[in-house]
């Protein structure tokens, strides 16, 4: 059973930065895309960013210009660099790897507060 292990969350002040990482416990073949989602209290889970096998990345409007998604195909690892963080970015962040089967991480808390 492949597991996704996330790291990099924490407490940061507004304007600060965090880098999230998500590594698969075993090799996943035929990956179509990797992505990051988030869920704030009382809200539905939403897509933050996704990167496709060819390298194309898409971002939610709220993430454009501040977040950057990247991947290491050889390691089945996906990253999310988050800059200029705002209080509204506070949420649990989940990584997702899709290869015909969806794999999800356990979530990592990101709190943006002064």
PDB file of N, CA and C in Angstrom:
ATOM      1  N   UNK A   1       0.840  -1.177   0.000  1.00  0.00           N
ATOM      2  CA  UNK A   1       0.000   0.000   0.000  1.00  0.00           C
ATOM      3  C   UNK A   1       0.891   1.247   0.000  1.00  0.00           C
ATOM      4  N   UNK A   2       0.759   2.054  -1.043  1.00  0.00           N
ATOM      5  CA  UNK A   2       1.557   3.267  -1.136  1.00  0.00           C
ATOM      6  C   UNK A   2       0.989   4.321  -0.206  1.00  0.00           C
ATOM      7  N   UNK A   3       1.864   4.978   0.518  1.00  0.00           N
ATOM      8  CA  UNK A   3       1.450   6.080   1.378  1.00  0.00           C
ATOM      9  C   UNK A   3       2.164   7.349   0.949  1.00  0.00           C
ATOM     10  N   UNK A   4       1.471   8.461   1.111  1.00  0.00           N
ATOM     11  CA  UNK A   4       2.064   9.764   0.836  1.00  0.00           C
ATOM     12  C   UNK A   4       2.359  10.436   2.167  1.00  0.00           C
ATOM     13  N   UNK A   5       3.585  10.870   2.311  1.00  0.00           N
ATOM     14  CA  UNK A   5       4.011  11.486   3.568  1.00  0.00           C
ATOM     15  C   UNK A   5       4.310  12.957   3.315  1.00  0.00           C
ATOM     16  N   UNK A   6       3.554  13.803   3.992  1.00  0.00           N
ATOM     17  CA  UNK A   6       3.708  15.245   3.823  1.00  0.00           C
ATOM     18  C   UNK A   6       4.540  15.828   4.951  1.00  0.00           C
ATOM     19  N   UNK A   7       5.180  16.931   4.639  1.00  0.00           N
ATOM     20  CA  UNK A   7       5.946  17.652   5.664  1.00  0.00           C
ATOM     21  C   UNK A   7       6.052  19.113   5.262  1.00  0.00           C
ATOM     22  N   UNK A   8       6.444  19.940   6.215  1.00  0.00           N
ATOM     23  CA  UNK A   8       6.713  21.331   5.917  1.00  0.00           C
ATOM     24  C   UNK A   8       5.677  22.324   6.419  1.00  0.00           C
ATOM     25  N   UNK A   9       4.570  21.832   6.949  1.00  0.00           N
ATOM     26  CA  UNK A   9       3.565  22.759   7.475  1.00  0.00           C
ATOM     27  C   UNK A   9       4.029  23.389   8.780  1.00  0.00           C
ATOM     28  N   UNK A  10       3.242  24.349   9.256  1.00  0.00           N
ATOM     29  CA  UNK A  10       3.580  24.991  10.512  1.00  0.00           C
ATOM     30  C   UNK A  10       2.910  26.331  10.659  1.00  0.00           C
ATOM     31  N   UNK A  11       3.406  27.077  11.628  1.00  0.00           N
ATOM     32  CA  UNK A  11       2.890  28.415  11.913  1.00  0.00           C
ATOM     33  C   UNK A  11       3.842  29.449  11.322  1.00  0.00           C
ATOM     34  N   UNK A  12       3.280  30.395  10.599  1.00  0.00           N
ATOM     35  CA  UNK A  12       4.093  31.429   9.972  1.00  0.00           C
ATOM     36  C   UNK A  12       3.349  32.753  10.038  1.00  0.00           C
ATOM     37  N   UNK A  13       4.087  33.826  10.094  1.00  0.00           N
ATOM     38  CA  UNK A  13       3.462  35.146  10.114  1.00  0.00           C
ATOM     39  C   UNK A  13       3.033  35.556   8.710  1.00  0.00           C
ATOM     40  N   UNK A  14       2.049  36.428   8.610  1.00  0.00           N
ATOM     41  CA  UNK A  14       1.666  36.935   7.288  1.00  0.00           C
ATOM     42  C   UNK A  14       2.873  37.505   6.556  1.00  0.00           C
ATOM     43  N   UNK A  15       2.948  37.181   5.265  1.00  0.00           N
ATOM     44  CA  UNK A  15       4.096  37.591   4.464  1.00  0.00           C
ATOM     45  C   UNK A  15       5.223  36.586   4.446  1.00  0.00           C
ATOM     46  N   UNK A  16       5.141  35.590   5.290  1.00  0.00           N
ATOM     47  CA  UNK A  16       6.179  34.577   5.362  1.00  0.00           C
ATOM     48  C   UNK A  16       6.050  33.507   4.298  1.00  0.00           C
ATOM     49  N   UNK A  17       6.946  32.530   4.376  1.00  0.00           N
ATOM     50  CA  UNK A  17       6.990  31.469   3.376  1.00  0.00           C
ATOM     51  C   UNK A  17       7.060  30.100   4.052  1.00  0.00           C
ATOM     52  N   UNK A  18       6.549  29.117   3.355  1.00  0.00           N
ATOM     53  CA  UNK A  18       6.666  27.715   3.745  1.00  0.00           C
ATOM     54  C   UNK A  18       6.843  26.882   2.488  1.00  0.00           C
ATOM     55  N   UNK A  19       7.516  25.759   2.646  1.00  0.00           N
ATOM     56  CA  UNK A  19       7.653  24.813   1.547  1.00  0.00           C
ATOM     57  C   UNK A  19       7.132  23.459   2.001  1.00  0.00           C
ATOM     58  N   UNK A  20       6.081  23.012   1.340  1.00  0.00           N
ATOM     59  CA  UNK A  20       5.507  21.708   1.645  1.00  0.00           C
ATOM     60  C   UNK A  20       6.126  20.647   0.734  1.00  0.00           C
ATOM     61  N   UNK A  21       6.317  19.471   1.291  1.00  0.00           N
ATOM     62  CA  UNK A  21       6.819  18.338   0.523  1.00  0.00           C
ATOM     63  C   UNK A  21       5.890  17.157   0.706  1.00  0.00           C
ATOM     64  N   UNK A  22       5.822  16.334  -0.326  1.00  0.00           N
ATOM     65  CA  UNK A  22       4.994  15.130  -0.261  1.00  0.00           C
ATOM     66  C   UNK A  22       5.732  14.029  -1.005  1.00  0.00           C
ATOM     67  N   UNK A  23       6.087  12.985  -0.278  1.00  0.00           N
ATOM     68  CA  UNK A  23       6.841  11.891  -0.865  1.00  0.00           C
ATOM     69  C   UNK A  23       6.053  10.597  -0.781  1.00  0.00           C
ATOM     70  N   UNK A  24       6.081   9.852  -1.869  1.00  0.00           N
ATOM     71  CA  UNK A  24       5.430   8.544  -1.883  1.00  0.00           C
ATOM     72  C   UNK A  24       6.356   7.503  -1.263  1.00  0.00           C
ATOM     73  N   UNK A  25       5.758   6.561  -0.535  1.00  0.00           N
ATOM     74  CA  UNK A  25       6.549   5.534   0.140  1.00  0.00           C
ATOM     75  C   UNK A  25       7.088   4.483  -0.814  1.00  0.00           C
ATOM     76  N   UNK A  26       6.538   4.461  -2.027  1.00  0.00           N
ATOM     77  CA  UNK A  26       6.999   3.517  -3.041  1.00  0.00           C
ATOM     78  C   UNK A  26       6.788   4.145  -4.409  1.00  0.00           C
ATOM     79  N   UNK A  27       7.419   3.584  -5.381  1.00  0.00           N
ATOM     80  CA  UNK A  27       7.324   4.130  -6.729  1.00  0.00           C
ATOM     81  C   UNK A  27       5.891   3.985  -7.236  1.00  0.00           C
ATOM     82  N   UNK A  28       5.397   5.058  -7.838  1.00  0.00           N
ATOM     83  CA  UNK A  28       4.073   5.052  -8.470  1.00  0.00           C
ATOM     84  C   UNK A  28       4.281   5.216  -9.960  1.00  0.00           C
ATOM     85  N   UNK A  29       3.744   4.307 -10.716  1.00  0.00           N
ATOM     86  CA  UNK A  29       3.924   4.340 -12.164  1.00  0.00           C
ATOM     87  C   UNK A  29       2.738   5.022 -12.835  1.00  0.00           C
ATOM     88  N   UNK A  30       3.003   5.512 -14.032  1.00  0.00           N
ATOM     89  CA  UNK A  30       1.951   6.127 -14.850  1.00  0.00           C
ATOM     90  C   UNK A  30       1.239   7.253 -14.109  1.00  0.00           C
ATOM     91  N   UNK A  31       2.034   8.134 -13.493  1.00  0.00           N
ATOM     92  CA  UNK A  31       1.439   9.270 -12.811  1.00  0.00           C
ATOM     93  C   UNK A  31       0.904  10.255 -13.842  1.00  0.00           C
ATOM     94  N   UNK A  32      -0.329  10.628 -13.700  1.00  0.00           N
ATOM     95  CA  UNK A  32      -0.936  11.597 -14.608  1.00  0.00           C
ATOM     96  C   UNK A  32      -0.697  13.013 -14.110  1.00  0.00           C
ATOM     97  N   UNK A  33      -0.947  13.202 -12.837  1.00  0.00           N
ATOM     98  CA  UNK A  33      -0.709  14.521 -12.253  1.00  0.00           C
ATOM     99  C   UNK A  33      -0.497  14.406 -10.756  1.00  0.00           C
ATOM    100  N   UNK A  34       0.083  15.432 -10.204  1.00  0.00           N
ATOM    101  CA  UNK A  34       0.277  15.581  -8.757  1.00  0.00           C
ATOM    102  C   UNK A  34      -0.293  16.932  -8.363  1.00  0.00           C
ATOM    103  N   UNK A  35      -0.899  16.992  -7.207  1.00  0.00           N
ATOM    104  CA  UNK A  35      -1.502  18.253  -6.829  1.00  0.00           C
ATOM    105  C   UNK A  35      -1.533  18.476  -5.334  1.00  0.00           C
ATOM    106  N   UNK A  36      -1.869  19.703  -5.002  1.00  0.00           N
ATOM    107  CA  UNK A  36      -2.066  20.104  -3.613  1.00  0.00           C
ATOM    108  C   UNK A  36      -3.475  20.672  -3.469  1.00  0.00           C
ATOM    109  N   UNK A  37      -4.152  20.242  -2.432  1.00  0.00           N
ATOM    110  CA  UNK A  37      -5.460  20.744  -2.082  1.00  0.00           C
ATOM    111  C   UNK A  37      -5.393  21.294  -0.659  1.00  0.00           C
ATOM    112  N   UNK A  38      -6.398  22.055  -0.302  1.00  0.00           N
ATOM    113  CA  UNK A  38      -6.465  22.523   1.067  1.00  0.00           C
ATOM    114  C   UNK A  38      -7.916  22.579   1.536  1.00  0.00           C
ATOM    115  N   UNK A  39      -8.070  22.479   2.835  1.00  0.00           N
ATOM    116  CA  UNK A  39      -9.400  22.557   3.428  1.00  0.00           C
ATOM    117  C   UNK A  39      -9.316  23.395   4.688  1.00  0.00           C
ATOM    118  N   UNK A  40     -10.030  24.494   4.660  1.00  0.00           N
ATOM    119  CA  UNK A  40     -10.116  25.375   5.818  1.00  0.00           C
ATOM    120  C   UNK A  40     -11.318  24.964   6.663  1.00  0.00           C
ATOM    121  N   UNK A  41     -11.322  25.309   7.936  1.00  0.00           N
ATOM    122  CA  UNK A  41     -12.453  24.938   8.794  1.00  0.00           C
ATOM    123  C   UNK A  41     -13.776  25.431   8.235  1.00  0.00           C
ATOM    124  N   UNK A  42     -14.737  24.533   8.149  1.00  0.00           N
ATOM    125  CA  UNK A  42     -16.059  24.894   7.671  1.00  0.00           C
ATOM    126  C   UNK A  42     -16.171  25.057   6.171  1.00  0.00           C
ATOM    127  N   UNK A  43     -15.109  24.757   5.452  1.00  0.00           N
ATOM    128  CA  UNK A  43     -15.138  24.911   3.994  1.00  0.00           C
ATOM    129  C   UNK A  43     -14.836  23.592   3.312  1.00  0.00           C
ATOM    130  N   UNK A  44     -15.172  23.531   2.042  1.00  0.00           N
ATOM    131  CA  UNK A  44     -14.886  22.334   1.256  1.00  0.00           C
ATOM    132  C   UNK A  44     -13.416  22.316   0.835  1.00  0.00           C
ATOM    133  N   UNK A  45     -12.936  21.115   0.589  1.00  0.00           N
ATOM    134  CA  UNK A  45     -11.580  20.977   0.080  1.00  0.00           C
ATOM    135  C   UNK A  45     -11.507  21.605  -1.301  1.00  0.00           C
ATOM    136  N   UNK A  46     -10.441  22.354  -1.554  1.00  0.00           N
ATOM    137  CA  UNK A  46     -10.288  23.026  -2.837  1.00  0.00           C
ATOM    138  C   UNK A  46      -8.898  22.772  -3.407  1.00  0.00           C
ATOM    139  N   UNK A  47      -8.841  22.806  -4.718  1.00  0.00           N
ATOM    140  CA  UNK A  47      -7.576  22.631  -5.413  1.00  0.00           C
ATOM    141  C   UNK A  47      -6.740  23.892  -5.268  1.00  0.00           C
ATOM    142  N   UNK A  48      -5.475  23.719  -4.950  1.00  0.00           N
ATOM    143  CA  UNK A  48      -4.549  24.841  -4.860  1.00  0.00           C
ATOM    144  C   UNK A  48      -3.678  24.899  -6.109  1.00  0.00           C
ATOM    145  N   UNK A  49      -3.088  23.765  -6.460  1.00  0.00           N
ATOM    146  CA  UNK A  49      -2.193  23.717  -7.609  1.00  0.00           C
ATOM    147  C   UNK A  49      -2.065  22.280  -8.068  1.00  0.00           C
ATOM    148  N   UNK A  50      -1.825  22.102  -9.352  1.00  0.00           N
ATOM    149  CA  UNK A  50      -1.640  20.782  -9.929  1.00  0.00           C
ATOM    150  C   UNK A  50      -0.554  20.863 -10.986  1.00  0.00           C
ATOM    151  N   UNK A  51       0.235  19.811 -11.071  1.00  0.00           N
ATOM    152  CA  UNK A  51       1.259  19.732 -12.101  1.00  0.00           C
ATOM    153  C   UNK A  51       1.105  18.415 -12.839  1.00  0.00           C
ATOM    154  N   UNK A  52       1.063  18.486 -14.148  1.00  0.00           N
ATOM    155  CA  UNK A  52       0.820  17.317 -14.981  1.00  0.00           C
ATOM    156  C   UNK A  52       2.132  16.642 -15.373  1.00  0.00           C
ATOM    157  N   UNK A  53       2.012  15.467 -15.922  1.00  0.00           N
ATOM    158  CA  UNK A  53       3.194  14.676 -16.235  1.00  0.00           C
ATOM    159  C   UNK A  53       4.136  15.393 -17.175  1.00  0.00           C
ATOM    160  N   UNK A  54       3.588  16.221 -18.048  1.00  0.00           N
ATOM    161  CA  UNK A  54       4.431  16.952 -18.990  1.00  0.00           C
ATOM    162  C   UNK A  54       5.069  18.189 -18.414  1.00  0.00           C
ATOM    163  N   UNK A  55       4.691  18.533 -17.194  1.00  0.00           N
ATOM    164  CA  UNK A  55       5.286  19.686 -16.533  1.00  0.00           C
ATOM    165  C   UNK A  55       4.394  20.910 -16.457  1.00  0.00           C
ATOM    166  N   UNK A  56       3.277  20.896 -17.168  1.00  0.00           N
ATOM    167  CA  UNK A  56       2.350  22.031 -17.099  1.00  0.00           C
ATOM    168  C   UNK A  56       1.731  22.115 -15.721  1.00  0.00           C
ATOM    169  N   UNK A  57       1.631  23.341 -15.206  1.00  0.00           N
ATOM    170  CA  UNK A  57       1.062  23.552 -13.877  1.00  0.00           C
ATOM    171  C   UNK A  57      -0.116  24.509 -13.959  1.00  0.00           C
ATOM    172  N   UNK A  58      -1.110  24.245 -13.170  1.00  0.00           N
ATOM    173  CA  UNK A  58      -2.258  25.137 -13.042  1.00  0.00           C
ATOM    174  C   UNK A  58      -2.431  25.514 -11.573  1.00  0.00           C
ATOM    175  N   UNK A  59      -2.929  26.720 -11.365  1.00  0.00           N
ATOM    176  CA  UNK A  59      -3.082  27.228 -10.009  1.00  0.00           C
ATOM    177  C   UNK A  59      -4.473  27.805  -9.795  1.00  0.00           C
ATOM    178  N   UNK A  60      -4.936  27.701  -8.560  1.00  0.00           N
ATOM    179  CA  UNK A  60      -6.131  28.435  -8.182  1.00  0.00           C
ATOM    180  C   UNK A  60      -5.803  29.926  -8.244  1.00  0.00           C
ATOM    181  N   UNK A  61      -6.813  30.736  -8.499  1.00  0.00           N
ATOM    182  CA  UNK A  61      -6.580  32.175  -8.583  1.00  0.00           C
ATOM    183  C   UNK A  61      -5.917  32.708  -7.316  1.00  0.00           C
ATOM    184  N   UNK A  62      -6.296  32.146  -6.183  1.00  0.00           N
ATOM    185  CA  UNK A  62      -5.766  32.617  -4.912  1.00  0.00           C
ATOM    186  C   UNK A  62      -4.281  32.302  -4.738  1.00  0.00           C
ATOM    187  N   UNK A  63      -3.786  31.352  -5.530  1.00  0.00           N
ATOM    188  CA  UNK A  63      -2.397  30.923  -5.406  1.00  0.00           C
ATOM    189  C   UNK A  63      -1.480  31.524  -6.476  1.00  0.00           C
ATOM    190  N   UNK A  64      -2.055  32.025  -7.519  1.00  0.00           N
ATOM    191  CA  UNK A  64      -1.259  32.541  -8.629  1.00  0.00           C
ATOM    192  C   UNK A  64      -0.346  33.678  -8.183  1.00  0.00           C
ATOM    193  N   UNK A  65       0.903  33.582  -8.589  1.00  0.00           N
ATOM    194  CA  UNK A  65       1.865  34.617  -8.261  1.00  0.00           C
ATOM    195  C   UNK A  65       2.511  34.471  -6.901  1.00  0.00           C
ATOM    196  N   UNK A  66       1.978  33.574  -6.073  1.00  0.00           N
ATOM    197  CA  UNK A  66       2.535  33.398  -4.724  1.00  0.00           C
ATOM    198  C   UNK A  66       3.032  31.973  -4.482  1.00  0.00           C
ATOM    199  N   UNK A  67       2.368  31.000  -5.076  1.00  0.00           N
ATOM    200  CA  UNK A  67       2.704  29.592  -4.856  1.00  0.00           C
ATOM    201  C   UNK A  67       3.334  29.011  -6.116  1.00  0.00           C
ATOM    202  N   UNK A  68       4.236  28.074  -5.923  1.00  0.00           N
ATOM    203  CA  UNK A  68       4.844  27.366  -7.036  1.00  0.00           C
ATOM    204  C   UNK A  68       4.866  25.873  -6.732  1.00  0.00           C
ATOM    205  N   UNK A  69       4.293  25.100  -7.640  1.00  0.00           N
ATOM    206  CA  UNK A  69       4.306  23.652  -7.497  1.00  0.00           C
ATOM    207  C   UNK A  69       5.427  23.087  -8.362  1.00  0.00           C
ATOM    208  N   UNK A  70       6.102  22.072  -7.849  1.00  0.00           N
ATOM    209  CA  UNK A  70       7.155  21.413  -8.613  1.00  0.00           C
ATOM    210  C   UNK A  70       7.169  19.934  -8.241  1.00  0.00           C
ATOM    211  N   UNK A  71       7.891  19.158  -9.033  1.00  0.00           N
ATOM    212  CA  UNK A  71       7.892  17.713  -8.794  1.00  0.00           C
ATOM    213  C   UNK A  71       9.249  17.120  -9.116  1.00  0.00           C
ATOM    214  N   UNK A  72       9.518  16.018  -8.480  1.00  0.00           N
ATOM    215  CA  UNK A  72      10.689  15.202  -8.799  1.00  0.00           C
ATOM    216  C   UNK A  72      10.148  13.850  -9.213  1.00  0.00           C
ATOM    217  N   UNK A  73      10.095  13.610 -10.505  1.00  0.00           N
ATOM    218  CA  UNK A  73       9.485  12.390 -11.012  1.00  0.00           C
ATOM    219  C   UNK A  73      10.188  11.138 -10.504  1.00  0.00           C
ATOM    220  N   UNK A  74      11.499  11.201 -10.448  1.00  0.00           N
ATOM    221  CA  UNK A  74      12.261  10.020 -10.039  1.00  0.00           C
ATOM    222  C   UNK A  74      11.940   9.626  -8.605  1.00  0.00           C
ATOM    223  N   UNK A  75      11.601  10.594  -7.791  1.00  0.00           N
ATOM    224  CA  UNK A  75      11.334  10.327  -6.382  1.00  0.00           C
ATOM    225  C   UNK A  75       9.849  10.308  -6.058  1.00  0.00           C
ATOM    226  N   UNK A  76       9.000  10.503  -7.083  1.00  0.00           N
ATOM    227  CA  UNK A  76       7.565  10.600  -6.818  1.00  0.00           C
ATOM    228  C   UNK A  76       7.289  11.578  -5.677  1.00  0.00           C
ATOM    229  N   UNK A  77       7.898  12.727  -5.783  1.00  0.00           N
ATOM    230  CA  UNK A  77       7.766  13.750  -4.752  1.00  0.00           C
ATOM    231  C   UNK A  77       7.241  15.025  -5.392  1.00  0.00           C
ATOM    232  N   UNK A  78       6.338  15.668  -4.694  1.00  0.00           N
ATOM    233  CA  UNK A  78       5.785  16.925  -5.167  1.00  0.00           C
ATOM    234  C   UNK A  78       5.966  17.971  -4.071  1.00  0.00           C
ATOM    235  N   UNK A  79       6.250  19.192  -4.490  1.00  0.00           N
ATOM    236  CA  UNK A  79       6.516  20.288  -3.568  1.00  0.00           C
ATOM    237  C   UNK A  79       5.540  21.443  -3.821  1.00  0.00           C
ATOM    238  N   UNK A  80       5.353  22.231  -2.789  1.00  0.00           N
ATOM    239  CA  UNK A  80       4.575  23.461  -2.935  1.00  0.00           C
ATOM    240  C   UNK A  80       5.313  24.557  -2.172  1.00  0.00           C
ATOM    241  N   UNK A  81       5.894  25.467  -2.934  1.00  0.00           N
ATOM    242  CA  UNK A  81       6.544  26.633  -2.341  1.00  0.00           C
ATOM    243  C   UNK A  81       5.499  27.727  -2.196  1.00  0.00           C
ATOM    244  N   UNK A  82       5.304  28.182  -0.973  1.00  0.00           N
ATOM    245  CA  UNK A  82       4.281  29.190  -0.708  1.00  0.00           C
ATOM    246  C   UNK A  82       4.954  30.447  -0.155  1.00  0.00           C
ATOM    247  N   UNK A  83       4.803  31.531  -0.883  1.00  0.00           N
ATOM    248  CA  UNK A  83       5.385  32.818  -0.481  1.00  0.00           C
ATOM    249  C   UNK A  83       4.278  33.826  -0.209  1.00  0.00           C
ATOM    250  N   UNK A  84       4.637  34.868   0.497  1.00  0.00           N
ATOM    251  CA  UNK A  84       3.691  35.935   0.812  1.00  0.00           C
ATOM    252  C   UNK A  84       2.383  35.362   1.363  1.00  0.00           C
ATOM    253  N   UNK A  85       2.517  34.527   2.345  1.00  0.00           N
ATOM    254  CA  UNK A  85       1.343  33.852   2.902  1.00  0.00           C
ATOM    255  C   UNK A  85       0.411  34.835   3.597  1.00  0.00           C
ATOM    256  N   UNK A  86      -0.870  34.539   3.504  1.00  0.00           N
ATOM    257  CA  UNK A  86      -1.918  35.384   4.081  1.00  0.00           C
ATOM    258  C   UNK A  86      -2.729  34.571   5.084  1.00  0.00           C
ATOM    259  N   UNK A  87      -3.385  35.242   6.017  1.00  0.00           N
ATOM    260  CA  UNK A  87      -4.211  34.499   6.984  1.00  0.00           C
ATOM    261  C   UNK A  87      -5.236  33.590   6.315  1.00  0.00           C
ATOM    262  N   UNK A  88      -5.752  33.988   5.180  1.00  0.00           N
ATOM    263  CA  UNK A  88      -6.740  33.165   4.488  1.00  0.00           C
ATOM    264  C   UNK A  88      -6.149  31.909   3.863  1.00  0.00           C
ATOM    265  N   UNK A  89      -4.833  31.774   3.896  1.00  0.00           N
ATOM    266  CA  UNK A  89      -4.201  30.533   3.443  1.00  0.00           C
ATOM    267  C   UNK A  89      -4.204  29.463   4.537  1.00  0.00           C
ATOM    268  N   UNK A  90      -4.636  29.831   5.719  1.00  0.00           N
ATOM    269  CA  UNK A  90      -4.692  28.870   6.823  1.00  0.00           C
ATOM    270  C   UNK A  90      -5.633  27.729   6.483  1.00  0.00           C
ATOM    271  N   UNK A  91      -5.116  26.514   6.551  1.00  0.00           N
ATOM    272  CA  UNK A  91      -5.899  25.332   6.186  1.00  0.00           C
ATOM    273  C   UNK A  91      -5.044  24.086   6.416  1.00  0.00           C
ATOM    274  N   UNK A  92      -5.673  22.957   6.282  1.00  0.00           N
ATOM    275  CA  UNK A  92      -4.932  21.699   6.190  1.00  0.00           C
ATOM    276  C   UNK A  92      -4.663  21.462   4.708  1.00  0.00           C
ATOM    277  N   UNK A  93      -3.418  21.206   4.385  1.00  0.00           N
ATOM    278  CA  UNK A  93      -3.009  21.006   3.001  1.00  0.00           C
ATOM    279  C   UNK A  93      -2.773  19.516   2.754  1.00  0.00           C
ATOM    280  N   UNK A  94      -3.356  19.034   1.674  1.00  0.00           N
ATOM    281  CA  UNK A  94      -3.268  17.625   1.309  1.00  0.00           C
ATOM    282  C   UNK A  94      -2.606  17.479  -0.056  1.00  0.00           C
ATOM    283  N   UNK A  95      -1.737  16.514  -0.175  1.00  0.00           N
ATOM    284  CA  UNK A  95      -1.194  16.225  -1.496  1.00  0.00           C
ATOM    285  C   UNK A  95      -1.962  15.062  -2.118  1.00  0.00           C
ATOM    286  N   UNK A  96      -1.943  15.037  -3.409  1.00  0.00           N
ATOM    287  CA  UNK A  96      -2.664  14.023  -4.185  1.00  0.00           C
ATOM    288  C   UNK A  96      -1.807  13.603  -5.368  1.00  0.00           C
ATOM    289  N   UNK A  97      -1.724  12.311  -5.590  1.00  0.00           N
ATOM    290  CA  UNK A  97      -1.061  11.778  -6.782  1.00  0.00           C
ATOM    291  C   UNK A  97      -2.063  10.897  -7.488  1.00  0.00           C
ATOM    292  N   UNK A  98      -2.255  11.180  -8.761  1.00  0.00           N
ATOM    293  CA  UNK A  98      -3.248  10.440  -9.543  1.00  0.00           C
ATOM    294  C   UNK A  98      -2.557   9.665 -10.648  1.00  0.00           C
ATOM    295  N   UNK A  99      -2.833   8.348 -10.629  1.00  0.00           N
ATOM    296  CA  UNK A  99      -2.259   7.489 -11.668  1.00  0.00           C
ATOM    297  C   UNK A  99      -3.304   6.517 -12.159  1.00  0.00           C
ATOM    298  N   UNK A 100      -4.559   6.973 -12.173  1.00  0.00           N
ATOM    299  CA  UNK A 100      -5.660   6.056 -12.416  1.00  0.00           C
ATOM    300  C   UNK A 100      -6.255   5.642 -11.087  1.00  0.00           C
ATOM    301  N   UNK A 101      -5.426   5.683 -10.104  1.00  0.00           N
ATOM    302  CA  UNK A 101      -5.813   5.519  -8.702  1.00  0.00           C
ATOM    303  C   UNK A 101      -5.412   6.803  -7.993  1.00  0.00           C
ATOM    304  N   UNK A 102      -6.250   7.241  -7.067  1.00  0.00           N
ATOM    305  CA  UNK A 102      -5.926   8.454  -6.310  1.00  0.00           C
ATOM    306  C   UNK A 102      -5.246   8.093  -4.998  1.00  0.00           C
ATOM    307  N   UNK A 103      -4.104   8.718  -4.760  1.00  0.00           N
ATOM    308  CA  UNK A 103      -3.405   8.580  -3.491  1.00  0.00           C
ATOM    309  C   UNK A 103      -3.456   9.933  -2.789  1.00  0.00           C
ATOM    310  N   UNK A 104      -3.690   9.885  -1.478  1.00  0.00           N
ATOM    311  CA  UNK A 104      -3.804  11.118  -0.695  1.00  0.00           C
ATOM    312  C   UNK A 104      -2.876  11.067   0.510  1.00  0.00           C
ATOM    313  N   UNK A 105      -2.338  12.229   0.831  1.00  0.00           N
ATOM    314  CA  UNK A 105      -1.577  12.341   2.058  1.00  0.00           C
ATOM    315  C   UNK A 105      -2.505  12.538   3.240  1.00  0.00           C
ATOM    316  N   UNK A 106      -1.903  12.536   4.409  1.00  0.00           N
ATOM    317  CA  UNK A 106      -2.688  12.645   5.635  1.00  0.00           C
ATOM    318  C   UNK A 106      -3.023  14.090   5.983  1.00  0.00           C
ATOM    319  N   UNK A 107      -2.388  15.021   5.317  1.00  0.00           N
ATOM    320  CA  UNK A 107      -2.639  16.434   5.567  1.00  0.00           C
ATOM    321  C   UNK A 107      -1.591  17.037   6.483  1.00  0.00           C
ATOM    322  N   UNK A 108      -1.283  18.287   6.222  1.00  0.00           N
ATOM    323  CA  UNK A 108      -0.358  19.021   7.081  1.00  0.00           C
ATOM    324  C   UNK A 108      -0.950  20.409   7.337  1.00  0.00           C
ATOM    325  N   UNK A 109      -0.912  20.822   8.578  1.00  0.00           N
ATOM    326  CA  UNK A 109      -1.541  22.081   8.964  1.00  0.00           C
ATOM    327  C   UNK A 109      -0.644  23.264   8.621  1.00  0.00           C
ATOM    328  N   UNK A 110      -1.245  24.246   7.975  1.00  0.00           N
ATOM    329  CA  UNK A 110      -0.582  25.519   7.719  1.00  0.00           C
ATOM    330  C   UNK A 110      -1.413  26.603   8.406  1.00  0.00           C
ATOM    331  N   UNK A 111      -0.768  27.338   9.295  1.00  0.00           N
ATOM    332  CA  UNK A 111      -1.434  28.417  10.008  1.00  0.00           C
ATOM    333  C   UNK A 111      -0.668  29.704   9.770  1.00  0.00           C
ATOM    334  N   UNK A 112      -1.381  30.700   9.260  1.00  0.00           N
ATOM    335  CA  UNK A 112      -0.782  32.004   8.994  1.00  0.00           C
ATOM    336  C   UNK A 112      -1.406  33.000   9.954  1.00  0.00           C
ATOM    337  N   UNK A 113      -0.609  33.458  10.895  1.00  0.00           N
ATOM    338  CA  UNK A 113      -1.141  34.331  11.936  1.00  0.00           C
ATOM    339  C   UNK A 113      -0.010  35.132  12.556  1.00  0.00           C
ATOM    340  N   UNK A 114      -0.347  36.335  12.970  1.00  0.00           N
ATOM    341  CA  UNK A 114       0.627  37.166  13.669  1.00  0.00           C
ATOM    342  C   UNK A 114       0.496  36.975  15.174  1.00  0.00           C
TER     343      UNK A 114
END
